[in-house]
Amino acid sequence: MDLENQARIKDLCDKYGNENLIVVLGGAEAEASGLAAETVSAGDPTFAGPLAGVPLGLKAYHMLELKDEIDPAVYEEQIAMMEMVLDVDAIRQEVETYRN
């Protein structure tokens, strides 16, 4: 997760409170999605960004995990193709690790 997004998320937590936010990820790789989930829950593990040592405790979900929450027509048009080419189980497992 880039430093600008880390700062943006930190600002949103300051403004709205972390209990009122979730993070929706869209990365194509399990490892990258897991790193982003870890960053917003436990703090930046690389200690390079605004969330270094800042455990926000946010819950992160990958877009593919939210299929049942999205209008089926929108999902089909915007996301379904990626579901066919990505390792959905690996992504879900990786992100879930940091959510639990």
PDB file of N, CA and C in Angstrom:
ATOM      1  N   MET A   1       0.849  -1.174   0.000  1.00  0.00           N
ATOM      2  CA  MET A   1       0.000   0.000   0.000  1.00  0.00           C
ATOM      3  C   MET A   1       0.894   1.236   0.000  1.00  0.00           C
ATOM      4  N   ASP A   2       0.619   2.140  -0.934  1.00  0.00           N
ATOM      5  CA  ASP A   2       1.497   3.306  -1.037  1.00  0.00           C
ATOM      6  C   ASP A   2       1.282   4.270   0.124  1.00  0.00           C
ATOM      7  N   LEU A   3       2.238   5.164   0.292  1.00  0.00           N
ATOM      8  CA  LEU A   3       2.240   6.067   1.440  1.00  0.00           C
ATOM      9  C   LEU A   3       1.056   7.035   1.408  1.00  0.00           C
ATOM     10  N   GLU A   4       0.652   7.453   0.229  1.00  0.00           N
ATOM     11  CA  GLU A   4      -0.485   8.365   0.101  1.00  0.00           C
ATOM     12  C   GLU A   4      -1.777   7.706   0.580  1.00  0.00           C
ATOM     13  N   ASN A   5      -1.981   6.456   0.199  1.00  0.00           N
ATOM     14  CA  ASN A   5      -3.180   5.740   0.655  1.00  0.00           C
ATOM     15  C   ASN A   5      -3.143   5.493   2.157  1.00  0.00           C
ATOM     16  N   GLN A   6      -1.963   5.205   2.693  1.00  0.00           N
ATOM     17  CA  GLN A   6      -1.846   5.036   4.140  1.00  0.00           C
ATOM     18  C   GLN A   6      -2.264   6.319   4.858  1.00  0.00           C
ATOM     19  N   ALA A   7      -1.786   7.446   4.371  1.00  0.00           N
ATOM     20  CA  ALA A   7      -2.126   8.734   4.993  1.00  0.00           C
ATOM     21  C   ALA A   7      -3.620   9.004   4.874  1.00  0.00           C
ATOM     22  N   ARG A   8      -4.190   8.686   3.726  1.00  0.00           N
ATOM     23  CA  ARG A   8      -5.620   8.909   3.506  1.00  0.00           C
ATOM     24  C   ARG A   8      -6.449   8.063   4.486  1.00  0.00           C
ATOM     25  N   ILE A   9      -6.067   6.809   4.662  1.00  0.00           N
ATOM     26  CA  ILE A   9      -6.794   5.923   5.577  1.00  0.00           C
ATOM     27  C   ILE A   9      -6.649   6.406   7.017  1.00  0.00           C
ATOM     28  N   LYS A  10      -5.458   6.820   7.386  1.00  0.00           N
ATOM     29  CA  LYS A  10      -5.238   7.337   8.742  1.00  0.00           C
ATOM     30  C   LYS A  10      -6.094   8.574   8.994  1.00  0.00           C
ATOM     31  N   ASP A  11      -6.163   9.462   8.018  1.00  0.00           N
ATOM     32  CA  ASP A  11      -6.996  10.672   8.143  1.00  0.00           C
ATOM     33  C   ASP A  11      -8.474  10.315   8.295  1.00  0.00           C
ATOM     34  N   LEU A  12      -8.932   9.328   7.519  1.00  0.00           N
ATOM     35  CA  LEU A  12     -10.333   8.905   7.623  1.00  0.00           C
ATOM     36  C   LEU A  12     -10.636   8.316   8.996  1.00  0.00           C
ATOM     37  N   CYS A  13      -9.685   7.563   9.548  1.00  0.00           N
ATOM     38  CA  CYS A  13      -9.869   7.005  10.896  1.00  0.00           C
ATOM     39  C   CYS A  13      -9.927   8.119  11.931  1.00  0.00           C
ATOM     40  N   ASP A  14      -9.080   9.122  11.770  1.00  0.00           N
ATOM     41  CA  ASP A  14      -9.096  10.255  12.695  1.00  0.00           C
ATOM     42  C   ASP A  14     -10.434  10.993  12.615  1.00  0.00           C
ATOM     43  N   LYS A  15     -10.971  11.098  11.414  1.00  0.00           N
ATOM     44  CA  LYS A  15     -12.206  11.851  11.200  1.00  0.00           C
ATOM     45  C   LYS A  15     -13.453  11.073  11.618  1.00  0.00           C
ATOM     46  N   TYR A  16     -13.518   9.786  11.248  1.00  0.00           N
ATOM     47  CA  TYR A  16     -14.747   9.007  11.453  1.00  0.00           C
ATOM     48  C   TYR A  16     -14.649   7.939  12.537  1.00  0.00           C
ATOM     49  N   GLY A  17     -13.450   7.629  12.974  1.00  0.00           N
ATOM     50  CA  GLY A  17     -13.255   6.560  13.954  1.00  0.00           C
ATOM     51  C   GLY A  17     -13.118   5.213  13.272  1.00  0.00           C
ATOM     52  N   ASN A  18     -12.158   4.418  13.712  1.00  0.00           N
ATOM     53  CA  ASN A  18     -11.907   3.137  13.042  1.00  0.00           C
ATOM     54  C   ASN A  18     -13.052   2.146  13.205  1.00  0.00           C
ATOM     55  N   GLU A  19     -13.898   2.345  14.203  1.00  0.00           N
ATOM     56  CA  GLU A  19     -15.036   1.433  14.375  1.00  0.00           C
ATOM     57  C   GLU A  19     -16.117   1.650  13.320  1.00  0.00           C
ATOM     58  N   ASN A  20     -16.001   2.717  12.556  1.00  0.00           N
ATOM     59  CA  ASN A  20     -16.992   3.040  11.529  1.00  0.00           C
ATOM     60  C   ASN A  20     -16.496   2.792  10.115  1.00  0.00           C
ATOM     61  N   LEU A  21     -15.348   2.163   9.972  1.00  0.00           N
ATOM     62  CA  LEU A  21     -14.747   1.978   8.650  1.00  0.00           C
ATOM     63  C   LEU A  21     -14.353   0.525   8.404  1.00  0.00           C
ATOM     64  N   ILE A  22     -14.402   0.132   7.145  1.00  0.00           N
ATOM     65  CA  ILE A  22     -13.766  -1.098   6.682  1.00  0.00           C
ATOM     66  C   ILE A  22     -12.947  -0.711   5.456  1.00  0.00           C
ATOM     67  N   VAL A  23     -12.038  -1.565   5.075  1.00  0.00           N
ATOM     68  CA  VAL A  23     -11.222  -1.329   3.889  1.00  0.00           C
ATOM     69  C   VAL A  23     -11.566  -2.397   2.862  1.00  0.00           C
ATOM     70  N   VAL A  24     -11.846  -1.954   1.639  1.00  0.00           N
ATOM     71  CA  VAL A  24     -12.143  -2.874   0.547  1.00  0.00           C
ATOM     72  C   VAL A  24     -10.944  -2.859  -0.395  1.00  0.00           C
ATOM     73  N   LEU A  25     -10.360  -4.044  -0.562  1.00  0.00           N
ATOM     74  CA  LEU A  25      -9.169  -4.195  -1.392  1.00  0.00           C
ATOM     75  C   LEU A  25      -9.533  -4.753  -2.763  1.00  0.00           C
ATOM     76  N   GLY A  26      -8.642  -4.555  -3.716  1.00  0.00           N
ATOM     77  CA  GLY A  26      -8.901  -5.064  -5.053  1.00  0.00           C
ATOM     78  C   GLY A  26      -7.663  -5.617  -5.722  1.00  0.00           C
ATOM     79  N   GLY A  27      -6.625  -5.905  -4.954  1.00  0.00           N
ATOM     80  CA  GLY A  27      -5.377  -6.404  -5.526  1.00  0.00           C
ATOM     81  C   GLY A  27      -5.532  -7.748  -6.205  1.00  0.00           C
ATOM     82  N   ALA A  28      -4.688  -7.973  -7.195  1.00  0.00           N
ATOM     83  CA  ALA A  28      -4.773  -9.202  -7.988  1.00  0.00           C
ATOM     84  C   ALA A  28      -3.968 -10.354  -7.399  1.00  0.00           C
ATOM     85  N   GLU A  29      -3.149 -10.090  -6.408  1.00  0.00           N
ATOM     86  CA  GLU A  29      -2.309 -11.133  -5.821  1.00  0.00           C
ATOM     87  C   GLU A  29      -2.599 -11.277  -4.330  1.00  0.00           C
ATOM     88  N   ALA A  30      -2.579 -12.492  -3.874  1.00  0.00           N
ATOM     89  CA  ALA A  30      -2.866 -12.778  -2.470  1.00  0.00           C
ATOM     90  C   ALA A  30      -1.871 -12.081  -1.548  1.00  0.00           C
ATOM     91  N   GLU A  31      -0.595 -12.150  -1.864  1.00  0.00           N
ATOM     92  CA  GLU A  31       0.424 -11.572  -0.995  1.00  0.00           C
ATOM     93  C   GLU A  31       0.266 -10.060  -0.855  1.00  0.00           C
ATOM     94  N   ALA A  32       0.023  -9.387  -1.966  1.00  0.00           N
ATOM     95  CA  ALA A  32      -0.163  -7.932  -1.925  1.00  0.00           C
ATOM     96  C   ALA A  32      -1.424  -7.564  -1.154  1.00  0.00           C
ATOM     97  N   SER A  33      -2.483  -8.323  -1.343  1.00  0.00           N
ATOM     98  CA  SER A  33      -3.729  -8.066  -0.616  1.00  0.00           C
ATOM     99  C   SER A  33      -3.539  -8.300   0.878  1.00  0.00           C
ATOM    100  N   GLY A  34      -2.796  -9.337   1.223  1.00  0.00           N
ATOM    101  CA  GLY A  34      -2.507  -9.616   2.627  1.00  0.00           C
ATOM    102  C   GLY A  34      -1.674  -8.524   3.262  1.00  0.00           C
ATOM    103  N   LEU A  35      -0.694  -8.015   2.536  1.00  0.00           N
ATOM    104  CA  LEU A  35       0.150  -6.935   3.056  1.00  0.00           C
ATOM    105  C   LEU A  35      -0.692  -5.686   3.316  1.00  0.00           C
ATOM    106  N   ALA A  36      -1.594  -5.378   2.396  1.00  0.00           N
ATOM    107  CA  ALA A  36      -2.478  -4.217   2.589  1.00  0.00           C
ATOM    108  C   ALA A  36      -3.393  -4.436   3.788  1.00  0.00           C
ATOM    109  N   ALA A  37      -3.937  -5.640   3.928  1.00  0.00           N
ATOM    110  CA  ALA A  37      -4.807  -5.953   5.063  1.00  0.00           C
ATOM    111  C   ALA A  37      -4.036  -5.841   6.378  1.00  0.00           C
ATOM    112  N   GLU A  38      -2.816  -6.329   6.397  1.00  0.00           N
ATOM    113  CA  GLU A  38      -1.987  -6.230   7.595  1.00  0.00           C
ATOM    114  C   GLU A  38      -1.696  -4.771   7.935  1.00  0.00           C
ATOM    115  N   THR A  39      -1.425  -3.979   6.921  1.00  0.00           N
ATOM    116  CA  THR A  39      -1.097  -2.570   7.125  1.00  0.00           C
ATOM    117  C   THR A  39      -2.231  -1.825   7.811  1.00  0.00           C
ATOM    118  N   VAL A  40      -3.474  -2.055   7.381  1.00  0.00           N
ATOM    119  CA  VAL A  40      -4.600  -1.317   7.964  1.00  0.00           C
ATOM    120  C   VAL A  40      -5.094  -1.913   9.279  1.00  0.00           C
ATOM    121  N   SER A  41      -4.686  -3.134   9.573  1.00  0.00           N
ATOM    122  CA  SER A  41      -5.110  -3.717  10.847  1.00  0.00           C
ATOM    123  C   SER A  41      -4.027  -3.594  11.915  1.00  0.00           C
ATOM    124  N   ALA A  42      -2.806  -3.996  11.596  1.00  0.00           N
ATOM    125  CA  ALA A  42      -1.743  -4.043  12.602  1.00  0.00           C
ATOM    126  C   ALA A  42      -0.681  -2.962  12.440  1.00  0.00           C
ATOM    127  N   GLY A  43      -0.714  -2.236  11.338  1.00  0.00           N
ATOM    128  CA  GLY A  43       0.311  -1.221  11.069  1.00  0.00           C
ATOM    129  C   GLY A  43       1.223  -1.671   9.944  1.00  0.00           C
ATOM    130  N   ASP A  44       1.892  -0.734   9.328  1.00  0.00           N
ATOM    131  CA  ASP A  44       2.762  -1.011   8.183  1.00  0.00           C
ATOM    132  C   ASP A  44       3.938  -1.883   8.602  1.00  0.00           C
ATOM    133  N   PRO A  45       3.979  -3.139   8.125  1.00  0.00           N
ATOM    134  CA  PRO A  45       5.062  -4.041   8.538  1.00  0.00           C
ATOM    135  C   PRO A  45       6.425  -3.648   7.979  1.00  0.00           C
ATOM    136  N   THR A  46       6.457  -2.769   6.981  1.00  0.00           N
ATOM    137  CA  THR A  46       7.740  -2.326   6.425  1.00  0.00           C
ATOM    138  C   THR A  46       8.277  -1.110   7.166  1.00  0.00           C
ATOM    139  N   PHE A  47       7.475  -0.547   8.059  1.00  0.00           N
ATOM    140  CA  PHE A  47       7.827   0.643   8.840  1.00  0.00           C
ATOM    141  C   PHE A  47       8.272   1.795   7.949  1.00  0.00           C
ATOM    142  N   ALA A  48       7.601   1.937   6.791  1.00  0.00           N
ATOM    143  CA  ALA A  48       7.989   2.971   5.837  1.00  0.00           C
ATOM    144  C   ALA A  48       6.948   4.065   5.688  1.00  0.00           C
ATOM    145  N   GLY A  49       5.746   3.847   6.153  1.00  0.00           N
ATOM    146  CA  GLY A  49       4.693   4.808   5.873  1.00  0.00           C
ATOM    147  C   GLY A  49       4.053   5.398   7.109  1.00  0.00           C
ATOM    148  N   PRO A  50       3.015   6.206   6.900  1.00  0.00           N
ATOM    149  CA  PRO A  50       2.309   6.843   8.005  1.00  0.00           C
ATOM    150  C   PRO A  50       1.681   5.853   8.988  1.00  0.00           C
ATOM    151  N   LEU A  51       1.489   4.609   8.562  1.00  0.00           N
ATOM    152  CA  LEU A  51       0.906   3.606   9.455  1.00  0.00           C
ATOM    153  C   LEU A  51       1.960   2.718  10.116  1.00  0.00           C
ATOM    154  N   ALA A  52       3.214   3.089  10.001  1.00  0.00           N
ATOM    155  CA  ALA A  52       4.277   2.341  10.679  1.00  0.00           C
ATOM    156  C   ALA A  52       4.057   2.427  12.188  1.00  0.00           C
ATOM    157  N   GLY A  53       3.874   1.282  12.820  1.00  0.00           N
ATOM    158  CA  GLY A  53       3.641   1.257  14.258  1.00  0.00           C
ATOM    159  C   GLY A  53       2.285   1.798  14.681  1.00  0.00           C
ATOM    160  N   VAL A  54       1.351   1.917  13.725  1.00  0.00           N
ATOM    161  CA  VAL A  54       0.016   2.444  14.024  1.00  0.00           C
ATOM    162  C   VAL A  54      -1.023   1.365  13.732  1.00  0.00           C
ATOM    163  N   PRO A  55      -1.385   0.580  14.729  1.00  0.00           N
ATOM    164  CA  PRO A  55      -2.383  -0.476  14.514  1.00  0.00           C
ATOM    165  C   PRO A  55      -3.811   0.096  14.534  1.00  0.00           C
ATOM    166  N   LEU A  56      -4.368   0.328  13.368  1.00  0.00           N
ATOM    167  CA  LEU A  56      -5.716   0.914  13.286  1.00  0.00           C
ATOM    168  C   LEU A  56      -6.810  -0.090  13.624  1.00  0.00           C
ATOM    169  N   GLY A  57      -6.518  -1.374  13.497  1.00  0.00           N
ATOM    170  CA  GLY A  57      -7.520  -2.386  13.800  1.00  0.00           C
ATOM    171  C   GLY A  57      -8.662  -2.457  12.798  1.00  0.00           C
ATOM    172  N   LEU A  58      -8.453  -1.947  11.606  1.00  0.00           N
ATOM    173  CA  LEU A  58      -9.505  -1.969  10.589  1.00  0.00           C
ATOM    174  C   LEU A  58      -9.668  -3.364  10.006  1.00  0.00           C
ATOM    175  N   LYS A  59     -10.877  -3.700   9.684  1.00  0.00           N
ATOM    176  CA  LYS A  59     -11.151  -4.963   9.003  1.00  0.00           C
ATOM    177  C   LYS A  59     -11.060  -4.714   7.503  1.00  0.00           C
ATOM    178  N   ALA A  60     -10.358  -5.598   6.821  1.00  0.00           N
ATOM    179  CA  ALA A  60     -10.196  -5.482   5.373  1.00  0.00           C
ATOM    180  C   ALA A  60     -10.871  -6.663   4.692  1.00  0.00           C
ATOM    181  N   TYR A  61     -11.488  -6.380   3.581  1.00  0.00           N
ATOM    182  CA  TYR A  61     -12.142  -7.390   2.753  1.00  0.00           C
ATOM    183  C   TYR A  61     -11.686  -7.190   1.320  1.00  0.00           C
ATOM    184  N   HIS A  62     -11.495  -8.273   0.618  1.00  0.00           N
ATOM    185  CA  HIS A  62     -11.208  -8.167  -0.809  1.00  0.00           C
ATOM    186  C   HIS A  62     -12.543  -8.081  -1.535  1.00  0.00           C
ATOM    187  N   MET A  63     -12.558  -7.339  -2.611  1.00  0.00           N
ATOM    188  CA  MET A  63     -13.778  -7.151  -3.397  1.00  0.00           C
ATOM    189  C   MET A  63     -14.440  -8.489  -3.730  1.00  0.00           C
ATOM    190  N   LEU A  64     -13.638  -9.501  -3.988  1.00  0.00           N
ATOM    191  CA  LEU A  64     -14.177 -10.812  -4.350  1.00  0.00           C
ATOM    192  C   LEU A  64     -14.929 -11.465  -3.189  1.00  0.00           C
ATOM    193  N   GLU A  65     -14.637 -11.057  -1.964  1.00  0.00           N
ATOM    194  CA  GLU A  65     -15.341 -11.592  -0.798  1.00  0.00           C
ATOM    195  C   GLU A  65     -16.715 -10.946  -0.618  1.00  0.00           C
ATOM    196  N   LEU A  66     -16.953  -9.851  -1.289  1.00  0.00           N
ATOM    197  CA  LEU A  66     -18.181  -9.090  -1.096  1.00  0.00           C
ATOM    198  C   LEU A  66     -19.201  -9.312  -2.208  1.00  0.00           C
ATOM    199  N   LYS A  67     -19.027 -10.378  -2.945  1.00  0.00           N
ATOM    200  CA  LYS A  67     -19.894 -10.666  -4.086  1.00  0.00           C
ATOM    201  C   LYS A  67     -21.375 -10.605  -3.727  1.00  0.00           C
ATOM    202  N   ASP A  68     -21.747 -11.161  -2.598  1.00  0.00           N
ATOM    203  CA  ASP A  68     -23.161 -11.203  -2.199  1.00  0.00           C
ATOM    204  C   ASP A  68     -23.699  -9.840  -1.775  1.00  0.00           C
ATOM    205  N   GLU A  69     -22.805  -8.879  -1.561  1.00  0.00           N
ATOM    206  CA  GLU A  69     -23.209  -7.543  -1.116  1.00  0.00           C
ATOM    207  C   GLU A  69     -23.342  -6.553  -2.279  1.00  0.00           C
ATOM    208  N   ILE A  70     -22.981  -6.984  -3.473  1.00  0.00           N
ATOM    209  CA  ILE A  70     -22.934  -6.095  -4.633  1.00  0.00           C
ATOM    210  C   ILE A  70     -24.058  -6.440  -5.594  1.00  0.00           C
ATOM    211  N   ASP A  71     -24.644  -5.418  -6.171  1.00  0.00           N
ATOM    212  CA  ASP A  71     -25.677  -5.621  -7.190  1.00  0.00           C
ATOM    213  C   ASP A  71     -25.133  -6.594  -8.238  1.00  0.00           C
ATOM    214  N   PRO A  72     -25.844  -7.690  -8.508  1.00  0.00           N
ATOM    215  CA  PRO A  72     -25.347  -8.703  -9.447  1.00  0.00           C
ATOM    216  C   PRO A  72     -24.982  -8.153 -10.833  1.00  0.00           C
ATOM    217  N   ALA A  73     -25.732  -7.200 -11.329  1.00  0.00           N
ATOM    218  CA  ALA A  73     -25.421  -6.623 -12.639  1.00  0.00           C
ATOM    219  C   ALA A  73     -24.100  -5.853 -12.603  1.00  0.00           C
ATOM    220  N   VAL A  74     -23.863  -5.134 -11.529  1.00  0.00           N
ATOM    221  CA  VAL A  74     -22.608  -4.384 -11.375  1.00  0.00           C
ATOM    222  C   VAL A  74     -21.451  -5.359 -11.220  1.00  0.00           C
ATOM    223  N   TYR A  75     -21.646  -6.384 -10.404  1.00  0.00           N
ATOM    224  CA  TYR A  75     -20.589  -7.379 -10.207  1.00  0.00           C
ATOM    225  C   TYR A  75     -20.227  -8.023 -11.539  1.00  0.00           C
ATOM    226  N   GLU A  76     -21.221  -8.420 -12.288  1.00  0.00           N
ATOM    227  CA  GLU A  76     -20.987  -9.071 -13.579  1.00  0.00           C
ATOM    228  C   GLU A  76     -20.220  -8.156 -14.524  1.00  0.00           C
ATOM    229  N   GLU A  77     -20.605  -6.918 -14.560  1.00  0.00           N
ATOM    230  CA  GLU A  77     -19.978  -5.969 -15.486  1.00  0.00           C
ATOM    231  C   GLU A  77     -18.565  -5.571 -15.060  1.00  0.00           C
ATOM    232  N   GLN A  78     -18.346  -5.403 -13.770  1.00  0.00           N
ATOM    233  CA  GLN A  78     -17.099  -4.824 -13.291  1.00  0.00           C
ATOM    234  C   GLN A  78     -16.084  -5.808 -12.706  1.00  0.00           C
ATOM    235  N   ILE A  79     -16.544  -6.948 -12.187  1.00  0.00           N
ATOM    236  CA  ILE A  79     -15.653  -7.797 -11.389  1.00  0.00           C
ATOM    237  C   ILE A  79     -15.591  -9.251 -11.853  1.00  0.00           C
ATOM    238  N   ALA A  80     -16.659  -9.765 -12.401  1.00  0.00           N
ATOM    239  CA  ALA A  80     -16.773 -11.203 -12.684  1.00  0.00           C
ATOM    240  C   ALA A  80     -15.618 -11.758 -13.509  1.00  0.00           C
ATOM    241  N   MET A  81     -15.135 -11.019 -14.477  1.00  0.00           N
ATOM    242  CA  MET A  81     -14.039 -11.497 -15.313  1.00  0.00           C
ATOM    243  C   MET A  81     -12.789 -11.778 -14.474  1.00  0.00           C
ATOM    244  N   MET A  82     -12.523 -10.910 -13.516  1.00  0.00           N
ATOM    245  CA  MET A  82     -11.346 -11.097 -12.671  1.00  0.00           C
ATOM    246  C   MET A  82     -11.498 -12.327 -11.774  1.00  0.00           C
ATOM    247  N   GLU A  83     -12.712 -12.604 -11.382  1.00  0.00           N
ATOM    248  CA  GLU A  83     -12.966 -13.772 -10.546  1.00  0.00           C
ATOM    249  C   GLU A  83     -12.532 -15.058 -11.260  1.00  0.00           C
ATOM    250  N   MET A  84     -12.614 -15.051 -12.582  1.00  0.00           N
ATOM    251  CA  MET A  84     -12.253 -16.236 -13.366  1.00  0.00           C
ATOM    252  C   MET A  84     -10.747 -16.423 -13.505  1.00  0.00           C
ATOM    253  N   VAL A  85      -9.974 -15.348 -13.375  1.00  0.00           N
ATOM    254  CA  VAL A  85      -8.534 -15.458 -13.629  1.00  0.00           C
ATOM    255  C   VAL A  85      -7.670 -15.353 -12.371  1.00  0.00           C
ATOM    256  N   LEU A  86      -8.247 -14.898 -11.272  1.00  0.00           N
ATOM    257  CA  LEU A  86      -7.476 -14.757 -10.034  1.00  0.00           C
ATOM    258  C   LEU A  86      -7.637 -15.989  -9.156  1.00  0.00           C
ATOM    259  N   ASP A  87      -6.679 -16.186  -8.269  1.00  0.00           N
ATOM    260  CA  ASP A  87      -6.757 -17.264  -7.290  1.00  0.00           C
ATOM    261  C   ASP A  87      -7.585 -16.767  -6.105  1.00  0.00           C
ATOM    262  N   VAL A  88      -8.889 -16.852  -6.248  1.00  0.00           N
ATOM    263  CA  VAL A  88      -9.832 -16.294  -5.276  1.00  0.00           C
ATOM    264  C   VAL A  88      -9.626 -16.902  -3.887  1.00  0.00           C
ATOM    265  N   ASP A  89      -9.434 -18.202  -3.815  1.00  0.00           N
ATOM    266  CA  ASP A  89      -9.266 -18.856  -2.513  1.00  0.00           C
ATOM    267  C   ASP A  89      -8.013 -18.361  -1.795  1.00  0.00           C
ATOM    268  N   ALA A  90      -6.924 -18.216  -2.520  1.00  0.00           N
ATOM    269  CA  ALA A  90      -5.675 -17.739  -1.907  1.00  0.00           C
ATOM    270  C   ALA A  90      -5.826 -16.299  -1.421  1.00  0.00           C
ATOM    271  N   ILE A  91      -6.465 -15.461  -2.223  1.00  0.00           N
ATOM    272  CA  ILE A  91      -6.680 -14.066  -1.831  1.00  0.00           C
ATOM    273  C   ILE A  91      -7.558 -14.005  -0.589  1.00  0.00           C
ATOM    274  N   ARG A  92      -8.645 -14.728  -0.609  1.00  0.00           N
ATOM    275  CA  ARG A  92      -9.578 -14.737   0.525  1.00  0.00           C
ATOM    276  C   ARG A  92      -8.870 -15.211   1.795  1.00  0.00           C
ATOM    277  N   GLN A  93      -8.110 -16.280   1.690  1.00  0.00           N
ATOM    278  CA  GLN A  93      -7.399 -16.830   2.845  1.00  0.00           C
ATOM    279  C   GLN A  93      -6.408 -15.825   3.424  1.00  0.00           C
ATOM    280  N   GLU A  94      -5.663 -15.175   2.542  1.00  0.00           N
ATOM    281  CA  GLU A  94      -4.638 -14.229   2.978  1.00  0.00           C
ATOM    282  C   GLU A  94      -5.264 -13.027   3.687  1.00  0.00           C
ATOM    283  N   VAL A  95      -6.298 -12.466   3.109  1.00  0.00           N
ATOM    284  CA  VAL A  95      -6.941 -11.290   3.700  1.00  0.00           C
ATOM    285  C   VAL A  95      -7.634 -11.665   5.009  1.00  0.00           C
ATOM    286  N   GLU A  96      -8.274 -12.810   5.018  1.00  0.00           N
ATOM    287  CA  GLU A  96      -8.984 -13.278   6.214  1.00  0.00           C
ATOM    288  C   GLU A  96      -8.025 -13.457   7.399  1.00  0.00           C
ATOM    289  N   THR A  97      -6.802 -13.839   7.119  1.00  0.00           N
ATOM    290  CA  THR A  97      -5.797 -14.019   8.176  1.00  0.00           C
ATOM    291  C   THR A  97      -5.666 -12.761   9.023  1.00  0.00           C
ATOM    292  N   TYR A  98      -5.665 -11.608   8.384  1.00  0.00           N
ATOM    293  CA  TYR A  98      -5.474 -10.347   9.119  1.00  0.00           C
ATOM    294  C   TYR A  98      -6.779  -9.788   9.655  1.00  0.00           C
ATOM    295  N   ARG A  99      -7.881 -10.263   9.150  1.00  0.00           N
ATOM    296  CA  ARG A  99      -9.172  -9.806   9.645  1.00  0.00           C
ATOM    297  C   ARG A  99      -9.535 -10.520  10.944  1.00  0.00           C
ATOM    298  N   ASN A 100      -9.051 -11.736  11.110  1.00  0.00           N
ATOM    299  CA  ASN A 100      -9.401 -12.524  12.303  1.00  0.00           C
ATOM    300  C   ASN A 100      -8.356 -12.378  13.324  1.00  0.00           C
TER     301      ASN A 100
END
